Amino acid sequence: MDFVEVKAENRELIDKIYSNELESFGLMGGADMWMIMSFIRYGKLYVLMDGNELLSVAQYQAVLSEKSVFLYGFSTVPSQRGKGYAIELLIKTHEELKKYDIEKIYLTVDPKNLIAINMYQKMGYTIVELQKDEYGKEIDRYLMVKELL
């Protein structure tokens, strides 16, 4: 398996990431092409690959007021779920972000997504608050945080 930081010139991989966003989250939930390119150019976008096959994706953006990042999007290709790729990608991105002196990672997760919540807690994230109606009426999210340093 390969851990890759996605670059703007890798259009074939970017297309795979966009297709995964649509399959995993639908039109209204995932990152569109504008967001994907923004993560590549102004944040960090990492993937786990097996040859040419996309396994898992992590999209980070900076939190300007502190040495922190927000994990905007995190997914594993539906056919590859349950194989440990998400945990492997989190471990590798945590190691990489430490090189940039990032101290904290924030993320939001659907309170009903127990698989994701359990995985994040296993990786050291803690729930710090329930954000009511965060993304619209009755679209609540847990805010979770992990201290890196």
N, C-alpha and C. Protein backbone atom coordinates (compact mmCIF):
# COMPACT_ATOMS: atom_id res chain seq x y z
N MET A 1 0.82 -1.19 0.00
CA MET A 1 0.00 0.00 0.00
C MET A 1 0.86 1.25 0.00
N ASP A 2 0.37 2.28 -0.67
CA ASP A 2 1.11 3.53 -0.77
C ASP A 2 0.31 4.66 -0.14
N PHE A 3 1.00 5.47 0.65
CA PHE A 3 0.46 6.69 1.23
C PHE A 3 0.91 7.83 0.32
N VAL A 4 -0.05 8.61 -0.21
CA VAL A 4 0.25 9.61 -1.22
C VAL A 4 -0.36 10.94 -0.84
N GLU A 5 0.44 12.01 -0.95
CA GLU A 5 -0.13 13.36 -0.90
C GLU A 5 -0.51 13.71 -2.33
N VAL A 6 -1.76 14.04 -2.55
CA VAL A 6 -2.27 14.29 -3.90
C VAL A 6 -1.79 15.66 -4.38
N LYS A 7 -1.32 15.70 -5.60
CA LYS A 7 -0.87 16.94 -6.24
C LYS A 7 -1.79 17.29 -7.40
N ALA A 8 -1.82 18.56 -7.76
CA ALA A 8 -2.76 19.07 -8.78
C ALA A 8 -2.57 18.41 -10.14
N GLU A 9 -1.37 17.98 -10.46
CA GLU A 9 -1.13 17.41 -11.78
C GLU A 9 -1.62 15.96 -11.92
N ASN A 10 -2.02 15.34 -10.80
CA ASN A 10 -2.47 13.95 -10.86
C ASN A 10 -3.98 13.87 -11.11
N ARG A 11 -4.38 14.25 -12.32
CA ARG A 11 -5.80 14.37 -12.67
C ARG A 11 -6.54 13.03 -12.61
N GLU A 12 -5.89 11.96 -12.98
CA GLU A 12 -6.56 10.65 -12.93
C GLU A 12 -6.94 10.30 -11.49
N LEU A 13 -6.04 10.53 -10.56
CA LEU A 13 -6.32 10.27 -9.15
C LEU A 13 -7.39 11.22 -8.63
N ILE A 14 -7.33 12.47 -9.02
CA ILE A 14 -8.34 13.45 -8.60
C ILE A 14 -9.73 13.01 -9.07
N ASP A 15 -9.82 12.51 -10.29
CA ASP A 15 -11.10 12.00 -10.80
C ASP A 15 -11.60 10.82 -9.95
N LYS A 16 -10.69 9.96 -9.53
CA LYS A 16 -11.08 8.82 -8.67
C LYS A 16 -11.58 9.33 -7.32
N ILE A 17 -10.92 10.35 -6.78
CA ILE A 17 -11.36 10.92 -5.50
C ILE A 17 -12.75 11.51 -5.64
N TYR A 18 -12.97 12.25 -6.72
CA TYR A 18 -14.29 12.85 -6.94
C TYR A 18 -15.37 11.78 -7.08
N SER A 19 -15.10 10.73 -7.82
CA SER A 19 -16.06 9.63 -7.96
C SER A 19 -16.36 8.98 -6.61
N ASN A 20 -15.33 8.81 -5.78
CA ASN A 20 -15.53 8.26 -4.44
C ASN A 20 -16.39 9.19 -3.59
N GLU A 21 -16.19 10.50 -3.71
CA GLU A 21 -17.02 11.46 -2.97
C GLU A 21 -18.49 11.28 -3.33
N LEU A 22 -18.76 11.17 -4.62
CA LEU A 22 -20.15 10.99 -5.07
C LEU A 22 -20.73 9.67 -4.57
N GLU A 23 -19.95 8.60 -4.66
CA GLU A 23 -20.44 7.30 -4.23
C GLU A 23 -20.62 7.23 -2.71
N SER A 24 -19.72 7.85 -1.97
CA SER A 24 -19.77 7.76 -0.51
C SER A 24 -20.77 8.72 0.11
N PHE A 25 -20.91 9.93 -0.47
CA PHE A 25 -21.70 10.97 0.19
C PHE A 25 -22.84 11.54 -0.65
N GLY A 26 -22.88 11.24 -1.94
CA GLY A 26 -23.91 11.80 -2.80
C GLY A 26 -23.57 13.23 -3.21
N LEU A 27 -24.44 13.83 -3.97
CA LEU A 27 -24.20 15.19 -4.49
C LEU A 27 -24.13 16.24 -3.40
N MET A 28 -24.89 16.10 -2.34
CA MET A 28 -24.99 17.15 -1.34
C MET A 28 -24.06 16.95 -0.14
N GLY A 29 -23.36 15.83 -0.05
CA GLY A 29 -22.57 15.58 1.15
C GLY A 29 -21.07 15.58 0.95
N GLY A 30 -20.62 15.29 -0.25
CA GLY A 30 -19.19 15.16 -0.47
C GLY A 30 -18.56 16.41 -1.03
N ALA A 31 -17.27 16.35 -1.17
CA ALA A 31 -16.51 17.47 -1.74
C ALA A 31 -16.66 17.46 -3.25
N ASP A 32 -16.91 18.64 -3.81
CA ASP A 32 -16.97 18.75 -5.27
C ASP A 32 -15.56 19.04 -5.80
N MET A 33 -15.42 19.16 -7.09
CA MET A 33 -14.11 19.34 -7.70
C MET A 33 -13.43 20.63 -7.22
N TRP A 34 -14.20 21.69 -7.00
CA TRP A 34 -13.63 22.95 -6.52
C TRP A 34 -13.02 22.76 -5.13
N MET A 35 -13.73 22.03 -4.28
CA MET A 35 -13.21 21.80 -2.93
C MET A 35 -11.99 20.90 -2.96
N ILE A 36 -12.04 19.85 -3.77
CA ILE A 36 -10.91 18.93 -3.87
C ILE A 36 -9.65 19.69 -4.28
N MET A 37 -9.76 20.53 -5.29
CA MET A 37 -8.60 21.30 -5.73
C MET A 37 -8.13 22.28 -4.65
N SER A 38 -9.05 22.82 -3.90
CA SER A 38 -8.68 23.72 -2.81
C SER A 38 -7.90 22.98 -1.72
N PHE A 39 -8.33 21.77 -1.38
CA PHE A 39 -7.59 20.98 -0.39
C PHE A 39 -6.18 20.69 -0.90
N ILE A 40 -6.05 20.37 -2.18
CA ILE A 40 -4.75 20.07 -2.76
C ILE A 40 -3.84 21.30 -2.73
N ARG A 41 -4.35 22.44 -3.14
CA ARG A 41 -3.52 23.64 -3.26
C ARG A 41 -3.31 24.40 -1.96
N TYR A 42 -4.30 24.36 -1.05
CA TYR A 42 -4.25 25.24 0.13
C TYR A 42 -4.40 24.50 1.45
N GLY A 43 -4.58 23.21 1.39
CA GLY A 43 -4.66 22.37 2.58
C GLY A 43 -3.81 21.15 2.34
N LYS A 44 -4.32 20.01 2.72
CA LYS A 44 -3.64 18.74 2.47
C LYS A 44 -4.69 17.70 2.09
N LEU A 45 -4.37 16.92 1.07
CA LEU A 45 -5.23 15.83 0.65
C LEU A 45 -4.35 14.60 0.50
N TYR A 46 -4.66 13.60 1.32
CA TYR A 46 -3.88 12.37 1.34
C TYR A 46 -4.76 11.19 0.96
N VAL A 47 -4.17 10.20 0.32
CA VAL A 47 -4.88 8.98 -0.01
C VAL A 47 -4.03 7.76 0.30
N LEU A 48 -4.71 6.67 0.47
CA LEU A 48 -4.08 5.37 0.57
C LEU A 48 -4.43 4.63 -0.71
N MET A 49 -3.41 4.10 -1.39
CA MET A 49 -3.59 3.45 -2.69
C MET A 49 -3.05 2.02 -2.62
N ASP A 50 -3.61 1.18 -3.47
CA ASP A 50 -3.06 -0.15 -3.73
C ASP A 50 -2.86 -0.23 -5.23
N GLY A 51 -1.64 0.07 -5.68
CA GLY A 51 -1.39 0.20 -7.11
C GLY A 51 -2.15 1.40 -7.63
N ASN A 52 -3.02 1.19 -8.60
CA ASN A 52 -3.86 2.27 -9.15
C ASN A 52 -5.22 2.36 -8.47
N GLU A 53 -5.45 1.50 -7.47
CA GLU A 53 -6.76 1.46 -6.82
C GLU A 53 -6.80 2.37 -5.60
N LEU A 54 -7.76 3.29 -5.59
CA LEU A 54 -7.99 4.18 -4.45
C LEU A 54 -8.63 3.39 -3.33
N LEU A 55 -8.09 3.53 -2.12
CA LEU A 55 -8.64 2.82 -0.97
C LEU A 55 -9.33 3.77 0.00
N SER A 56 -8.63 4.86 0.38
CA SER A 56 -9.14 5.75 1.42
C SER A 56 -8.63 7.17 1.19
N VAL A 57 -9.42 8.17 1.63
CA VAL A 57 -9.14 9.58 1.35
C VAL A 57 -9.27 10.41 2.63
N ALA A 58 -8.33 11.36 2.83
CA ALA A 58 -8.40 12.30 3.96
C ALA A 58 -8.15 13.71 3.45
N GLN A 59 -9.07 14.65 3.76
CA GLN A 59 -8.98 16.03 3.29
C GLN A 59 -8.89 16.96 4.51
N TYR A 60 -7.80 17.72 4.58
CA TYR A 60 -7.55 18.60 5.71
C TYR A 60 -7.51 20.06 5.28
N GLN A 61 -8.02 20.93 6.15
CA GLN A 61 -7.87 22.37 5.94
C GLN A 61 -7.34 22.97 7.23
N ALA A 62 -6.62 24.08 7.11
CA ALA A 62 -5.99 24.73 8.26
C ALA A 62 -7.01 25.45 9.12
N VAL A 63 -6.72 25.48 10.41
CA VAL A 63 -7.45 26.33 11.35
C VAL A 63 -6.51 27.50 11.62
N LEU A 64 -6.84 28.67 11.11
CA LEU A 64 -5.90 29.79 11.09
C LEU A 64 -5.52 30.31 12.47
N SER A 65 -6.39 30.20 13.44
CA SER A 65 -6.12 30.80 14.75
C SER A 65 -5.25 29.93 15.65
N GLU A 66 -4.88 28.74 15.20
CA GLU A 66 -4.06 27.86 16.02
C GLU A 66 -3.30 26.87 15.15
N LYS A 67 -2.42 26.10 15.75
CA LYS A 67 -1.66 25.09 15.01
C LYS A 67 -2.50 23.82 14.91
N SER A 68 -3.60 23.95 14.20
CA SER A 68 -4.56 22.87 14.10
C SER A 68 -5.06 22.73 12.68
N VAL A 69 -5.68 21.57 12.42
CA VAL A 69 -6.35 21.34 11.15
C VAL A 69 -7.74 20.78 11.43
N PHE A 70 -8.58 20.94 10.43
CA PHE A 70 -9.92 20.37 10.45
C PHE A 70 -9.96 19.26 9.41
N LEU A 71 -10.30 18.06 9.85
CA LEU A 71 -10.45 16.95 8.93
C LEU A 71 -11.82 17.08 8.28
N TYR A 72 -11.83 17.74 7.13
CA TYR A 72 -13.08 18.06 6.45
C TYR A 72 -13.77 16.80 5.93
N GLY A 73 -13.02 15.96 5.27
CA GLY A 73 -13.60 14.77 4.68
C GLY A 73 -12.71 13.57 4.88
N PHE A 74 -13.35 12.46 5.18
CA PHE A 74 -12.60 11.22 5.38
C PHE A 74 -13.50 10.08 4.93
N SER A 75 -12.98 9.27 4.02
CA SER A 75 -13.80 8.16 3.53
C SER A 75 -12.93 7.02 3.02
N THR A 76 -13.54 5.87 3.00
CA THR A 76 -12.95 4.70 2.37
C THR A 76 -13.90 4.28 1.26
N VAL A 77 -13.32 3.91 0.13
CA VAL A 77 -14.12 3.44 -1.00
C VAL A 77 -15.06 2.34 -0.48
N PRO A 78 -16.36 2.43 -0.79
CA PRO A 78 -17.32 1.48 -0.23
C PRO A 78 -16.93 0.00 -0.35
N SER A 79 -16.36 -0.41 -1.46
CA SER A 79 -15.98 -1.81 -1.64
C SER A 79 -14.78 -2.22 -0.80
N GLN A 80 -14.09 -1.23 -0.19
CA GLN A 80 -12.88 -1.51 0.59
C GLN A 80 -13.08 -1.32 2.10
N ARG A 81 -14.29 -1.03 2.52
CA ARG A 81 -14.56 -0.77 3.94
C ARG A 81 -14.42 -2.04 4.78
N GLY A 82 -14.05 -1.82 6.04
CA GLY A 82 -13.93 -2.94 6.98
C GLY A 82 -12.61 -3.68 6.88
N LYS A 83 -11.65 -3.15 6.16
CA LYS A 83 -10.36 -3.83 5.96
C LYS A 83 -9.21 -3.13 6.70
N GLY A 84 -9.51 -2.09 7.48
CA GLY A 84 -8.48 -1.40 8.24
C GLY A 84 -7.78 -0.27 7.53
N TYR A 85 -8.21 0.05 6.31
CA TYR A 85 -7.55 1.11 5.55
C TYR A 85 -7.75 2.49 6.17
N ALA A 86 -8.90 2.74 6.74
CA ALA A 86 -9.17 4.04 7.35
C ALA A 86 -8.22 4.29 8.52
N ILE A 87 -8.05 3.30 9.36
CA ILE A 87 -7.14 3.45 10.50
C ILE A 87 -5.71 3.64 10.01
N GLU A 88 -5.32 2.87 9.02
CA GLU A 88 -3.97 3.02 8.47
C GLU A 88 -3.75 4.43 7.92
N LEU A 89 -4.74 4.96 7.20
CA LEU A 89 -4.61 6.32 6.66
C LEU A 89 -4.56 7.35 7.77
N LEU A 90 -5.38 7.20 8.80
CA LEU A 90 -5.32 8.14 9.92
C LEU A 90 -3.94 8.13 10.58
N ILE A 91 -3.40 6.97 10.83
CA ILE A 91 -2.08 6.87 11.45
C ILE A 91 -1.04 7.60 10.59
N LYS A 92 -1.06 7.36 9.30
CA LYS A 92 -0.08 7.99 8.41
C LYS A 92 -0.29 9.51 8.32
N THR A 93 -1.54 9.96 8.28
CA THR A 93 -1.75 11.42 8.22
C THR A 93 -1.37 12.08 9.53
N HIS A 94 -1.61 11.42 10.65
CA HIS A 94 -1.19 11.99 11.93
C HIS A 94 0.32 12.17 11.97
N GLU A 95 1.05 11.15 11.52
CA GLU A 95 2.51 11.24 11.48
C GLU A 95 2.96 12.39 10.57
N GLU A 96 2.32 12.52 9.41
CA GLU A 96 2.69 13.56 8.45
C GLU A 96 2.38 14.95 9.01
N LEU A 97 1.22 15.12 9.64
CA LEU A 97 0.83 16.43 10.17
C LEU A 97 1.74 16.88 11.31
N LYS A 98 2.28 15.94 12.07
CA LYS A 98 3.24 16.29 13.12
C LYS A 98 4.47 16.98 12.55
N LYS A 99 4.85 16.63 11.32
CA LYS A 99 6.00 17.26 10.67
C LYS A 99 5.78 18.75 10.44
N TYR A 100 4.51 19.17 10.38
CA TYR A 100 4.15 20.57 10.19
C TYR A 100 3.84 21.25 11.53
N ASP A 101 4.18 20.59 12.63
CA ASP A 101 3.94 21.09 13.99
C ASP A 101 2.46 21.30 14.29
N ILE A 102 1.60 20.51 13.65
CA ILE A 102 0.17 20.56 13.95
C ILE A 102 -0.03 19.93 15.32
N GLU A 103 -0.76 20.63 16.16
CA GLU A 103 -0.96 20.18 17.54
C GLU A 103 -2.31 19.52 17.77
N LYS A 104 -3.30 19.84 16.93
CA LYS A 104 -4.65 19.37 17.20
C LYS A 104 -5.39 19.14 15.89
N ILE A 105 -6.24 18.12 15.88
CA ILE A 105 -7.10 17.84 14.73
C ILE A 105 -8.55 17.88 15.20
N TYR A 106 -9.36 18.64 14.47
CA TYR A 106 -10.80 18.69 14.71
C TYR A 106 -11.51 17.92 13.59
N LEU A 107 -12.69 17.40 13.88
CA LEU A 107 -13.56 16.84 12.86
C LEU A 107 -14.99 16.86 13.38
N THR A 108 -15.94 16.75 12.45
CA THR A 108 -17.32 16.56 12.84
C THR A 108 -17.80 15.25 12.26
N VAL A 109 -18.73 14.61 12.97
CA VAL A 109 -19.25 13.32 12.55
C VAL A 109 -20.72 13.23 12.95
N ASP A 110 -21.48 12.56 12.11
CA ASP A 110 -22.90 12.33 12.39
C ASP A 110 -23.02 11.49 13.66
N PRO A 111 -23.80 11.94 14.65
CA PRO A 111 -23.95 11.17 15.90
C PRO A 111 -24.50 9.76 15.69
N LYS A 112 -25.12 9.51 14.54
CA LYS A 112 -25.66 8.17 14.25
C LYS A 112 -24.61 7.27 13.60
N ASN A 113 -23.48 7.82 13.21
CA ASN A 113 -22.44 7.03 12.53
C ASN A 113 -21.53 6.38 13.57
N LEU A 114 -22.04 5.34 14.20
CA LEU A 114 -21.32 4.70 15.31
C LEU A 114 -20.02 4.04 14.86
N ILE A 115 -19.98 3.53 13.65
CA ILE A 115 -18.74 2.92 13.15
C ILE A 115 -17.63 3.95 13.11
N ALA A 116 -17.92 5.14 12.55
CA ALA A 116 -16.91 6.20 12.48
C ALA A 116 -16.55 6.71 13.87
N ILE A 117 -17.53 6.94 14.71
CA ILE A 117 -17.26 7.45 16.07
C ILE A 117 -16.35 6.48 16.82
N ASN A 118 -16.66 5.19 16.76
CA ASN A 118 -15.82 4.20 17.45
C ASN A 118 -14.40 4.18 16.91
N MET A 119 -14.26 4.29 15.57
CA MET A 119 -12.93 4.31 14.97
C MET A 119 -12.15 5.54 15.45
N TYR A 120 -12.79 6.71 15.40
CA TYR A 120 -12.10 7.93 15.84
C TYR A 120 -11.72 7.83 17.32
N GLN A 121 -12.61 7.32 18.16
CA GLN A 121 -12.28 7.19 19.57
C GLN A 121 -11.12 6.22 19.77
N LYS A 122 -11.10 5.14 19.01
CA LYS A 122 -9.99 4.19 19.07
C LYS A 122 -8.66 4.87 18.72
N MET A 123 -8.74 5.88 17.84
CA MET A 123 -7.55 6.61 17.41
C MET A 123 -7.23 7.81 18.30
N GLY A 124 -7.94 7.97 19.41
CA GLY A 124 -7.60 9.01 20.38
C GLY A 124 -8.42 10.29 20.28
N TYR A 125 -9.44 10.32 19.45
CA TYR A 125 -10.31 11.49 19.36
C TYR A 125 -11.34 11.43 20.47
N THR A 126 -11.73 12.60 20.97
CA THR A 126 -12.77 12.67 21.99
C THR A 126 -13.88 13.60 21.51
N ILE A 127 -15.10 13.28 21.92
CA ILE A 127 -16.25 14.12 21.61
C ILE A 127 -16.22 15.30 22.58
N VAL A 128 -16.25 16.52 22.03
CA VAL A 128 -16.21 17.70 22.90
C VAL A 128 -17.54 18.46 22.93
N GLU A 129 -18.37 18.27 21.91
CA GLU A 129 -19.70 18.89 21.96
C GLU A 129 -20.60 18.32 20.88
N LEU A 130 -21.90 18.49 21.10
CA LEU A 130 -22.90 18.19 20.08
C LEU A 130 -23.27 19.51 19.43
N GLN A 131 -23.09 19.61 18.13
CA GLN A 131 -23.42 20.82 17.39
C GLN A 131 -24.79 20.61 16.74
N LYS A 132 -25.81 21.18 17.37
CA LYS A 132 -27.18 21.04 16.89
C LYS A 132 -27.36 21.82 15.59
N ASP A 133 -28.04 21.19 14.63
CA ASP A 133 -28.38 21.82 13.35
C ASP A 133 -27.15 22.41 12.64
N GLU A 134 -26.00 21.79 12.80
CA GLU A 134 -24.74 22.33 12.28
C GLU A 134 -24.77 22.52 10.76
N TYR A 135 -25.34 21.57 10.05
CA TYR A 135 -25.35 21.65 8.59
C TYR A 135 -26.77 21.80 8.04
N GLY A 136 -27.66 22.32 8.87
CA GLY A 136 -29.06 22.51 8.49
C GLY A 136 -29.97 21.90 9.55
N LYS A 137 -31.25 22.16 9.40
CA LYS A 137 -32.22 21.69 10.38
C LYS A 137 -32.13 20.17 10.54
N GLU A 138 -31.94 19.75 11.79
CA GLU A 138 -31.85 18.34 12.18
C GLU A 138 -30.66 17.61 11.57
N ILE A 139 -29.63 18.37 11.18
CA ILE A 139 -28.38 17.76 10.71
C ILE A 139 -27.31 18.09 11.76
N ASP A 140 -27.34 17.29 12.84
CA ASP A 140 -26.45 17.49 13.97
C ASP A 140 -25.11 16.82 13.72
N ARG A 141 -24.10 17.29 14.43
CA ARG A 141 -22.77 16.68 14.36
C ARG A 141 -22.12 16.72 15.73
N TYR A 142 -21.34 15.68 16.01
CA TYR A 142 -20.43 15.73 17.14
C TYR A 142 -19.16 16.42 16.66
N LEU A 143 -18.63 17.31 17.47
CA LEU A 143 -17.29 17.86 17.24
C LEU A 143 -16.35 16.97 18.05
N MET A 144 -15.35 16.42 17.35
CA MET A 144 -14.36 15.57 18.00
C MET A 144 -12.99 16.21 17.83
N VAL A 145 -12.10 15.96 18.79
CA VAL A 145 -10.77 16.56 18.78
C VAL A 145 -9.74 15.52 19.18
N LYS A 146 -8.58 15.61 18.54
CA LYS A 146 -7.43 14.78 18.92
C LYS A 146 -6.24 15.70 19.12
N GLU A 147 -5.57 15.54 20.25
CA GLU A 147 -4.32 16.26 20.53
C GLU A 147 -3.19 15.45 19.91
N LEU A 148 -2.43 16.09 19.02
CA LEU A 148 -1.33 15.38 18.35
C LEU A 148 -0.02 15.46 19.11
N LEU A 149 0.27 16.62 19.69
CA LEU A 149 1.56 16.81 20.35
C LEU A 149 1.41 16.93 21.85
